[in-house]
C-alpha cells in the first residue's frame, strides 16, 4: 500500500459536505461501496454547474481513477458501483429519475438513470423533469466530470522532500 504524502501547500479546491452527512448518514452507512459512492457523488455533484446537477452510471464508470479504487476494495467495480448507488438511493441520499433520449435532446439511445442529490435543488430539478420541462433547464447538457490525479509542481515536490 502506497502511503499518502499529505496535502500539498497552497490553496486547494474544496468540496462542500453538509453537516447532516456526518450526523445522520455517516453513522448509518455500513457498506464500503455505499460510502465510497456517496462521497464520490457528493464530490461530482459539487463540481457541476447550473440548474441541472446530476450524474449518470456511465459517467461514473468512465472515471477510471475512482473505479480502480472501488475495484480494489470490492473486487468487481461495476457491481460495487451499482450496489453503492442502490444503497445511497434507498437511504435517501440520491434521487433517481429515468430520462428518455428525446427528453434530453438526443435522437438515439436508451433511457438512462440520472442521479441527483436529495436537496431542495435536486428535488426541484426532478420535479421539472417529470413535468416535461427538461428542455427548459439547460442547453446543452452539462459535461461529465472525472477525478484526476493531482500533479505536483517540481518545486513543490522538492520542498516537500
N, C-alpha and C. Protein backbone atom coordinates (compact mmCIF):
# COMPACT_ATOMS: atom_id res chain seq x y z
N UNK A 1 0.84 -1.18 0.00
CA UNK A 1 0.00 0.00 0.00
C UNK A 1 0.88 1.24 0.00
N UNK A 2 0.63 2.13 -0.92
CA UNK A 2 1.39 3.37 -1.01
C UNK A 2 0.86 4.37 0.00
N UNK A 3 1.75 4.99 0.74
CA UNK A 3 1.36 5.96 1.74
C UNK A 3 0.96 7.29 1.13
N UNK A 4 0.16 8.02 1.85
CA UNK A 4 -0.30 9.35 1.44
C UNK A 4 0.76 10.35 1.84
N UNK A 5 1.21 11.16 0.89
CA UNK A 5 2.28 12.11 1.16
C UNK A 5 1.79 13.40 1.80
N UNK A 6 0.52 13.55 1.98
CA UNK A 6 -0.03 14.74 2.61
C UNK A 6 -0.61 15.70 1.60
N UNK A 7 -1.38 16.63 2.08
CA UNK A 7 -1.99 17.62 1.21
C UNK A 7 -0.94 18.65 0.80
N UNK A 8 -0.91 19.01 -0.47
CA UNK A 8 0.10 19.97 -0.92
C UNK A 8 -0.17 21.37 -0.36
N UNK A 9 0.88 22.15 -0.31
CA UNK A 9 0.76 23.53 0.17
C UNK A 9 -0.04 24.36 -0.83
N UNK A 10 -0.60 25.42 -0.36
CA UNK A 10 -1.35 26.31 -1.25
C UNK A 10 -2.84 26.04 -1.18
N UNK A 11 -3.54 26.86 -1.87
CA UNK A 11 -4.99 26.79 -1.86
C UNK A 11 -5.45 25.59 -2.69
N UNK A 12 -6.31 24.78 -2.10
CA UNK A 12 -6.85 23.59 -2.76
C UNK A 12 -8.34 23.76 -2.97
N UNK A 13 -8.87 23.21 -4.07
CA UNK A 13 -10.33 23.23 -4.23
C UNK A 13 -10.96 22.41 -3.11
N UNK A 14 -12.10 22.85 -2.64
CA UNK A 14 -12.78 22.16 -1.55
C UNK A 14 -14.12 21.63 -2.03
N UNK A 15 -14.61 20.63 -1.31
CA UNK A 15 -15.92 20.05 -1.58
C UNK A 15 -16.78 20.34 -0.36
N UNK A 16 -17.93 20.93 -0.61
CA UNK A 16 -18.84 21.23 0.50
C UNK A 16 -19.65 19.98 0.81
N UNK A 17 -19.58 19.56 2.07
CA UNK A 17 -20.37 18.41 2.53
C UNK A 17 -21.26 18.90 3.65
N UNK A 18 -22.57 18.73 3.52
CA UNK A 18 -23.48 19.20 4.57
C UNK A 18 -23.21 18.51 5.91
N UNK A 19 -23.41 19.23 7.00
CA UNK A 19 -23.20 18.68 8.33
C UNK A 19 -24.05 17.44 8.57
N UNK A 20 -25.24 17.39 7.99
CA UNK A 20 -26.12 16.23 8.21
C UNK A 20 -25.51 14.95 7.67
N UNK A 21 -24.56 15.05 6.73
CA UNK A 21 -23.87 13.85 6.28
C UNK A 21 -23.16 13.20 7.47
N UNK A 22 -22.49 14.01 8.29
CA UNK A 22 -21.72 13.49 9.42
C UNK A 22 -22.60 13.10 10.60
N UNK A 23 -23.73 13.78 10.77
CA UNK A 23 -24.57 13.50 11.93
C UNK A 23 -25.61 12.41 11.67
N UNK A 24 -26.08 12.28 10.42
CA UNK A 24 -27.13 11.30 10.14
C UNK A 24 -26.71 10.17 9.22
N UNK A 25 -25.98 10.48 8.15
CA UNK A 25 -25.64 9.46 7.17
C UNK A 25 -24.42 8.63 7.56
N UNK A 26 -23.32 9.26 7.89
CA UNK A 26 -22.08 8.54 8.17
C UNK A 26 -22.25 7.47 9.25
N UNK A 27 -22.92 7.77 10.38
CA UNK A 27 -23.10 6.72 11.38
C UNK A 27 -23.94 5.53 10.88
N UNK A 28 -24.80 5.76 9.90
CA UNK A 28 -25.68 4.70 9.41
C UNK A 28 -25.09 3.88 8.27
N UNK A 29 -24.13 4.41 7.55
CA UNK A 29 -23.55 3.70 6.40
C UNK A 29 -22.60 2.62 6.92
N UNK A 30 -22.89 1.37 6.52
CA UNK A 30 -22.05 0.26 6.98
C UNK A 30 -21.47 -0.56 5.82
N UNK A 31 -21.59 -0.06 4.60
CA UNK A 31 -21.07 -0.75 3.43
C UNK A 31 -20.01 0.14 2.78
N UNK A 32 -18.83 -0.41 2.52
CA UNK A 32 -17.74 0.38 1.96
C UNK A 32 -18.07 0.94 0.58
N UNK A 33 -18.74 0.14 -0.25
CA UNK A 33 -19.12 0.62 -1.59
C UNK A 33 -20.09 1.79 -1.48
N UNK A 34 -21.05 1.71 -0.58
CA UNK A 34 -22.00 2.81 -0.40
C UNK A 34 -21.28 4.06 0.07
N UNK A 35 -20.33 3.92 0.99
CA UNK A 35 -19.59 5.07 1.49
C UNK A 35 -18.78 5.72 0.38
N UNK A 36 -18.06 4.91 -0.40
CA UNK A 36 -17.25 5.46 -1.49
C UNK A 36 -18.13 6.12 -2.54
N UNK A 37 -19.22 5.47 -2.92
CA UNK A 37 -20.11 6.04 -3.94
C UNK A 37 -20.75 7.32 -3.41
N UNK A 38 -21.14 7.33 -2.15
CA UNK A 38 -21.74 8.52 -1.55
C UNK A 38 -20.77 9.70 -1.58
N UNK A 39 -19.54 9.48 -1.14
CA UNK A 39 -18.55 10.56 -1.15
C UNK A 39 -18.23 11.01 -2.57
N UNK A 40 -18.14 10.06 -3.49
CA UNK A 40 -17.87 10.41 -4.89
C UNK A 40 -19.01 11.24 -5.47
N UNK A 41 -20.24 10.84 -5.19
CA UNK A 41 -21.39 11.60 -5.71
C UNK A 41 -21.44 13.00 -5.12
N UNK A 42 -21.13 13.13 -3.84
CA UNK A 42 -21.06 14.47 -3.25
C UNK A 42 -20.00 15.30 -3.96
N UNK A 43 -18.86 14.69 -4.26
CA UNK A 43 -17.78 15.40 -4.96
C UNK A 43 -18.20 15.78 -6.38
N UNK A 44 -18.71 14.83 -7.14
CA UNK A 44 -19.01 15.08 -8.55
C UNK A 44 -20.16 16.08 -8.69
N UNK A 45 -21.17 15.97 -7.84
CA UNK A 45 -22.30 16.90 -7.93
C UNK A 45 -21.89 18.29 -7.46
N UNK A 46 -20.91 18.39 -6.59
CA UNK A 46 -20.39 19.67 -6.15
C UNK A 46 -19.65 20.39 -7.29
N UNK A 47 -19.08 19.62 -8.22
CA UNK A 47 -18.34 20.19 -9.34
C UNK A 47 -19.21 20.55 -10.54
N UNK A 48 -20.48 20.21 -10.50
CA UNK A 48 -21.38 20.54 -11.60
C UNK A 48 -21.85 21.98 -11.45
N UNK A 49 -22.16 22.60 -12.58
CA UNK A 49 -22.62 23.98 -12.59
C UNK A 49 -24.04 24.05 -13.15
N UNK A 50 -24.75 25.12 -12.85
CA UNK A 50 -26.06 25.36 -13.43
C UNK A 50 -27.19 24.69 -12.69
N UNK A 51 -28.37 24.74 -13.31
CA UNK A 51 -29.58 24.20 -12.69
C UNK A 51 -29.61 22.68 -12.65
N UNK A 52 -28.99 22.05 -13.60
CA UNK A 52 -29.11 20.61 -13.78
C UNK A 52 -27.83 19.92 -13.30
N UNK A 53 -27.81 19.58 -12.02
CA UNK A 53 -26.63 18.93 -11.43
C UNK A 53 -26.98 17.48 -11.15
N UNK A 54 -26.49 16.61 -12.01
CA UNK A 54 -26.79 15.19 -11.89
C UNK A 54 -25.57 14.40 -12.33
N UNK A 55 -25.59 13.10 -12.04
CA UNK A 55 -24.57 12.20 -12.57
C UNK A 55 -25.28 10.98 -13.12
N UNK A 56 -24.54 10.23 -13.93
CA UNK A 56 -25.09 9.03 -14.57
C UNK A 56 -24.16 7.86 -14.28
N UNK A 57 -24.68 6.65 -14.40
CA UNK A 57 -23.87 5.46 -14.22
C UNK A 57 -22.69 5.47 -15.19
N UNK A 58 -22.94 5.78 -16.45
CA UNK A 58 -21.87 5.79 -17.46
C UNK A 58 -20.80 6.82 -17.13
N UNK A 59 -21.18 7.96 -16.58
CA UNK A 59 -20.20 8.99 -16.22
C UNK A 59 -19.29 8.49 -15.11
N UNK A 60 -19.86 7.82 -14.12
CA UNK A 60 -19.05 7.31 -13.02
C UNK A 60 -18.16 6.16 -13.50
N UNK A 61 -18.73 5.26 -14.30
CA UNK A 61 -17.95 4.13 -14.84
C UNK A 61 -16.75 4.62 -15.65
N UNK A 62 -16.89 5.75 -16.31
CA UNK A 62 -15.81 6.28 -17.16
C UNK A 62 -14.68 6.91 -16.34
N UNK A 63 -14.89 7.10 -15.06
CA UNK A 63 -13.85 7.68 -14.21
C UNK A 63 -12.95 6.56 -13.71
N UNK A 64 -11.88 6.31 -14.44
CA UNK A 64 -11.01 5.16 -14.17
C UNK A 64 -10.34 5.23 -12.80
N UNK A 65 -9.98 6.42 -12.37
CA UNK A 65 -9.33 6.57 -11.07
C UNK A 65 -10.26 6.13 -9.95
N UNK A 66 -11.52 6.55 -10.00
CA UNK A 66 -12.48 6.15 -8.99
C UNK A 66 -12.78 4.66 -9.07
N UNK A 67 -12.98 4.15 -10.29
CA UNK A 67 -13.34 2.74 -10.47
C UNK A 67 -12.20 1.83 -10.01
N UNK A 68 -10.95 2.24 -10.19
CA UNK A 68 -9.82 1.44 -9.70
C UNK A 68 -9.87 1.32 -8.18
N UNK A 69 -10.17 2.41 -7.51
CA UNK A 69 -10.28 2.38 -6.06
C UNK A 69 -11.46 1.57 -5.59
N UNK A 70 -12.53 1.60 -6.32
CA UNK A 70 -13.71 0.81 -5.97
C UNK A 70 -13.44 -0.67 -6.21
N UNK A 71 -12.72 -0.99 -7.26
CA UNK A 71 -12.42 -2.38 -7.58
C UNK A 71 -11.48 -2.99 -6.55
N UNK A 72 -10.50 -2.23 -6.11
CA UNK A 72 -9.54 -2.79 -5.16
C UNK A 72 -10.20 -3.13 -3.83
N UNK A 73 -11.26 -2.41 -3.51
CA UNK A 73 -11.94 -2.67 -2.25
C UNK A 73 -13.01 -3.74 -2.39
N UNK A 74 -13.59 -3.88 -3.56
CA UNK A 74 -14.76 -4.72 -3.70
C UNK A 74 -14.63 -5.85 -4.71
N UNK A 75 -13.55 -5.93 -5.45
CA UNK A 75 -13.43 -6.96 -6.47
C UNK A 75 -14.01 -6.49 -7.79
N UNK A 76 -15.29 -6.66 -7.98
CA UNK A 76 -15.95 -6.25 -9.21
C UNK A 76 -16.46 -4.82 -9.05
N UNK A 77 -15.79 -3.88 -9.70
CA UNK A 77 -16.08 -2.46 -9.50
C UNK A 77 -17.47 -2.08 -9.99
N UNK A 78 -17.91 -2.60 -11.12
CA UNK A 78 -19.22 -2.21 -11.65
C UNK A 78 -20.34 -2.71 -10.74
N UNK A 79 -20.21 -3.94 -10.24
CA UNK A 79 -21.22 -4.47 -9.30
C UNK A 79 -21.22 -3.64 -8.01
N UNK A 80 -20.03 -3.27 -7.53
CA UNK A 80 -19.94 -2.45 -6.32
C UNK A 80 -20.55 -1.07 -6.55
N UNK A 81 -20.30 -0.51 -7.74
CA UNK A 81 -20.86 0.80 -8.07
C UNK A 81 -22.39 0.75 -8.08
N UNK A 82 -22.95 -0.24 -8.75
CA UNK A 82 -24.41 -0.36 -8.81
C UNK A 82 -25.00 -0.58 -7.44
N UNK A 83 -24.35 -1.42 -6.63
CA UNK A 83 -24.83 -1.66 -5.27
C UNK A 83 -24.75 -0.37 -4.45
N UNK A 84 -23.64 0.36 -4.56
CA UNK A 84 -23.50 1.61 -3.83
C UNK A 84 -24.54 2.64 -4.22
N UNK A 85 -24.83 2.76 -5.53
CA UNK A 85 -25.87 3.69 -5.99
C UNK A 85 -27.24 3.28 -5.45
N UNK A 86 -27.54 1.97 -5.50
CA UNK A 86 -28.84 1.50 -5.00
C UNK A 86 -28.98 1.78 -3.51
N UNK A 87 -27.91 1.53 -2.76
CA UNK A 87 -27.97 1.76 -1.31
C UNK A 87 -28.09 3.25 -0.99
N UNK A 88 -27.37 4.10 -1.71
CA UNK A 88 -27.45 5.54 -1.48
C UNK A 88 -28.84 6.06 -1.84
N UNK A 89 -29.44 5.48 -2.87
CA UNK A 89 -30.82 5.87 -3.23
C UNK A 89 -31.80 5.37 -2.17
N UNK A 90 -31.64 4.13 -1.73
CA UNK A 90 -32.54 3.58 -0.71
C UNK A 90 -32.44 4.35 0.60
N UNK A 91 -31.25 4.83 0.93
CA UNK A 91 -31.04 5.60 2.16
C UNK A 91 -31.64 7.00 2.05
N UNK A 92 -31.84 7.47 0.79
CA UNK A 92 -32.42 8.80 0.60
C UNK A 92 -31.40 9.87 0.27
N UNK A 93 -30.13 9.52 0.11
CA UNK A 93 -29.11 10.50 -0.25
C UNK A 93 -29.26 10.93 -1.70
N UNK A 94 -29.50 9.96 -2.58
CA UNK A 94 -29.64 10.24 -4.00
C UNK A 94 -31.07 10.03 -4.45
N UNK A 95 -31.45 10.80 -5.44
CA UNK A 95 -32.75 10.65 -6.08
C UNK A 95 -32.50 10.27 -7.54
N UNK A 96 -33.25 9.29 -8.04
CA UNK A 96 -33.03 8.79 -9.39
C UNK A 96 -34.26 9.10 -10.24
N UNK A 97 -34.01 9.52 -11.47
CA UNK A 97 -35.08 9.75 -12.44
C UNK A 97 -34.64 9.15 -13.77
N UNK A 98 -35.55 8.48 -14.45
CA UNK A 98 -35.25 7.90 -15.75
C UNK A 98 -35.53 8.96 -16.81
N UNK A 99 -34.53 9.19 -17.67
CA UNK A 99 -34.64 10.20 -18.71
C UNK A 99 -34.55 9.50 -20.06
N UNK A 100 -35.51 9.77 -20.90
CA UNK A 100 -35.56 9.18 -22.23
C UNK A 100 -34.77 10.07 -23.18
N UNK A 101 -34.15 9.48 -24.20
CA UNK A 101 -33.30 10.26 -25.11
C UNK A 101 -33.97 11.49 -25.70
N UNK A 102 -35.21 11.39 -26.11
CA UNK A 102 -35.89 12.54 -26.72
C UNK A 102 -36.04 13.69 -25.72
N UNK A 103 -36.22 13.36 -24.44
CA UNK A 103 -36.39 14.40 -23.43
C UNK A 103 -35.10 15.17 -23.20
N UNK A 104 -33.96 14.50 -23.42
CA UNK A 104 -32.68 15.17 -23.18
C UNK A 104 -32.06 15.72 -24.45
N UNK A 105 -32.80 15.72 -25.55
CA UNK A 105 -32.33 16.33 -26.78
C UNK A 105 -31.54 15.39 -27.67
N UNK A 106 -31.40 14.12 -27.26
CA UNK A 106 -30.69 13.15 -28.08
C UNK A 106 -31.67 12.52 -29.06
N UNK A 107 -31.16 12.02 -30.17
CA UNK A 107 -32.03 11.40 -31.16
C UNK A 107 -32.04 9.89 -31.07
N UNK A 108 -30.99 9.30 -30.49
CA UNK A 108 -30.93 7.85 -30.36
C UNK A 108 -30.46 7.47 -28.97
N UNK A 109 -30.59 6.20 -28.66
CA UNK A 109 -30.11 5.70 -27.38
C UNK A 109 -31.24 5.20 -26.51
N UNK A 110 -30.83 4.61 -25.39
CA UNK A 110 -31.78 4.07 -24.44
C UNK A 110 -32.00 5.06 -23.30
N UNK A 111 -33.06 4.84 -22.57
CA UNK A 111 -33.31 5.66 -21.39
C UNK A 111 -32.18 5.41 -20.39
N UNK A 112 -31.81 6.45 -19.65
CA UNK A 112 -30.78 6.27 -18.63
C UNK A 112 -31.22 6.93 -17.33
N UNK A 113 -30.66 6.42 -16.26
CA UNK A 113 -30.97 6.96 -14.95
C UNK A 113 -30.03 8.11 -14.64
N UNK A 114 -30.61 9.21 -14.17
CA UNK A 114 -29.84 10.35 -13.70
C UNK A 114 -29.99 10.41 -12.19
N UNK A 115 -28.89 10.66 -11.50
CA UNK A 115 -28.88 10.71 -10.04
C UNK A 115 -28.65 12.14 -9.58
N UNK A 116 -29.55 12.60 -8.72
CA UNK A 116 -29.48 13.95 -8.15
C UNK A 116 -29.29 13.82 -6.65
N UNK A 117 -28.66 14.80 -6.05
CA UNK A 117 -28.56 14.87 -4.61
C UNK A 117 -29.95 15.19 -4.05
N UNK A 118 -30.32 14.53 -2.96
CA UNK A 118 -31.62 14.77 -2.34
C UNK A 118 -31.54 16.08 -1.55
N UNK A 119 -31.62 17.16 -2.30
CA UNK A 119 -31.59 18.51 -1.71
C UNK A 119 -32.75 19.28 -2.33
N UNK A 120 -32.95 20.47 -1.84
CA UNK A 120 -34.01 21.31 -2.42
C UNK A 120 -33.79 21.50 -3.91
N UNK A 121 -32.56 21.75 -4.30
CA UNK A 121 -32.21 21.95 -5.70
C UNK A 121 -32.45 20.69 -6.54
N UNK A 122 -32.02 19.52 -6.02
CA UNK A 122 -32.21 18.26 -6.72
C UNK A 122 -33.67 17.88 -6.85
N UNK A 123 -34.45 18.07 -5.78
CA UNK A 123 -35.88 17.74 -5.83
C UNK A 123 -36.61 18.64 -6.82
N UNK A 124 -36.25 19.92 -6.88
CA UNK A 124 -36.88 20.84 -7.83
C UNK A 124 -36.55 20.45 -9.27
N UNK A 125 -35.31 20.06 -9.54
CA UNK A 125 -34.93 19.65 -10.90
C UNK A 125 -35.69 18.41 -11.33
N UNK A 126 -35.81 17.44 -10.44
CA UNK A 126 -36.54 16.21 -10.78
C UNK A 126 -38.01 16.52 -11.01
N UNK A 127 -38.57 17.40 -10.21
CA UNK A 127 -39.97 17.78 -10.40
C UNK A 127 -40.19 18.40 -11.78
N UNK A 128 -39.27 19.26 -12.20
CA UNK A 128 -39.39 19.90 -13.52
C UNK A 128 -39.21 18.87 -14.64
N UNK A 129 -38.31 17.92 -14.45
CA UNK A 129 -38.12 16.87 -15.46
C UNK A 129 -39.39 16.04 -15.59
N UNK A 130 -39.99 15.68 -14.48
CA UNK A 130 -41.22 14.88 -14.51
C UNK A 130 -42.39 15.65 -15.12
N UNK A 131 -42.35 16.96 -15.06
CA UNK A 131 -43.39 17.78 -15.70
C UNK A 131 -43.10 18.01 -17.17
N UNK A 132 -41.99 17.45 -17.67
CA UNK A 132 -41.64 17.59 -19.08
C UNK A 132 -40.91 18.87 -19.43
N UNK A 133 -40.25 19.48 -18.44
CA UNK A 133 -39.58 20.76 -18.67
C UNK A 133 -38.06 20.63 -18.75
N UNK A 134 -37.56 19.44 -19.08
CA UNK A 134 -36.11 19.25 -19.14
C UNK A 134 -35.47 20.18 -20.16
N UNK A 135 -36.10 20.36 -21.28
CA UNK A 135 -35.54 21.23 -22.33
C UNK A 135 -35.41 22.67 -21.87
N UNK A 136 -36.16 23.09 -20.86
CA UNK A 136 -36.09 24.45 -20.36
C UNK A 136 -34.97 24.65 -19.33
N UNK A 137 -34.44 23.54 -18.80
CA UNK A 137 -33.47 23.66 -17.71
C UNK A 137 -32.10 24.11 -18.17
N UNK A 138 -31.59 23.52 -19.23
CA UNK A 138 -30.24 23.87 -19.65
C UNK A 138 -30.01 23.42 -21.08
N UNK A 139 -29.26 24.18 -21.80
CA UNK A 139 -28.79 23.83 -23.14
C UNK A 139 -27.35 24.26 -23.27
N UNK A 140 -26.43 23.44 -23.62
CA UNK A 140 -26.52 21.98 -23.72
C UNK A 140 -26.41 21.33 -22.36
N UNK A 141 -26.53 20.01 -22.31
CA UNK A 141 -26.41 19.29 -21.05
C UNK A 141 -24.99 19.44 -20.51
N UNK A 142 -24.84 19.42 -19.18
CA UNK A 142 -23.51 19.59 -18.59
C UNK A 142 -22.56 18.46 -19.00
N UNK A 143 -21.27 18.79 -19.04
CA UNK A 143 -20.26 17.80 -19.39
C UNK A 143 -19.96 16.90 -18.19
N UNK A 144 -19.42 15.72 -18.51
CA UNK A 144 -19.02 14.79 -17.47
C UNK A 144 -17.82 15.32 -16.72
N UNK A 145 -17.68 14.90 -15.47
CA UNK A 145 -16.57 15.29 -14.61
C UNK A 145 -15.84 14.02 -14.19
N UNK A 146 -14.51 14.06 -14.13
CA UNK A 146 -13.72 12.92 -13.71
C UNK A 146 -12.66 13.33 -12.69
N UNK A 147 -12.32 12.38 -11.83
CA UNK A 147 -11.21 12.60 -10.91
C UNK A 147 -9.92 12.62 -11.71
N UNK A 148 -8.99 13.43 -11.29
CA UNK A 148 -7.69 13.45 -11.93
C UNK A 148 -6.64 13.48 -10.83
N UNK A 149 -5.64 12.64 -11.02
CA UNK A 149 -4.54 12.64 -10.05
C UNK A 149 -3.89 14.00 -10.08
N UNK A 150 -3.64 14.54 -8.92
CA UNK A 150 -3.05 15.88 -8.84
C UNK A 150 -1.56 15.78 -9.13
N UNK A 151 -1.11 16.55 -10.10
CA UNK A 151 0.30 16.58 -10.46
C UNK A 151 0.96 17.70 -9.66
N UNK A 152 2.02 17.34 -8.95
CA UNK A 152 2.73 18.33 -8.14
C UNK A 152 3.73 19.09 -9.00
N UNK A 153 3.85 20.35 -8.73
CA UNK A 153 4.85 21.20 -9.37
C UNK A 153 6.22 20.74 -8.89
N UNK A 154 7.21 20.73 -9.74
CA UNK A 154 8.54 20.21 -9.41
C UNK A 154 9.15 20.91 -8.19
N UNK A 155 8.91 22.20 -8.04
CA UNK A 155 9.47 22.91 -6.89
C UNK A 155 8.75 22.52 -5.60
N UNK A 156 7.46 22.25 -5.69
CA UNK A 156 6.70 21.80 -4.53
C UNK A 156 7.21 20.44 -4.08
N UNK A 157 7.42 19.54 -5.02
CA UNK A 157 7.96 18.22 -4.69
C UNK A 157 9.33 18.35 -4.02
N UNK A 158 10.16 19.23 -4.56
CA UNK A 158 11.48 19.44 -3.98
C UNK A 158 11.36 19.92 -2.54
N UNK A 159 10.49 20.88 -2.29
CA UNK A 159 10.34 21.44 -0.95
C UNK A 159 9.78 20.41 0.02
N UNK A 160 8.90 19.54 -0.45
CA UNK A 160 8.29 18.54 0.42
C UNK A 160 9.28 17.43 0.77
N UNK A 161 10.22 17.20 -0.11
CA UNK A 161 11.16 16.09 0.13
C UNK A 161 12.50 16.61 0.60
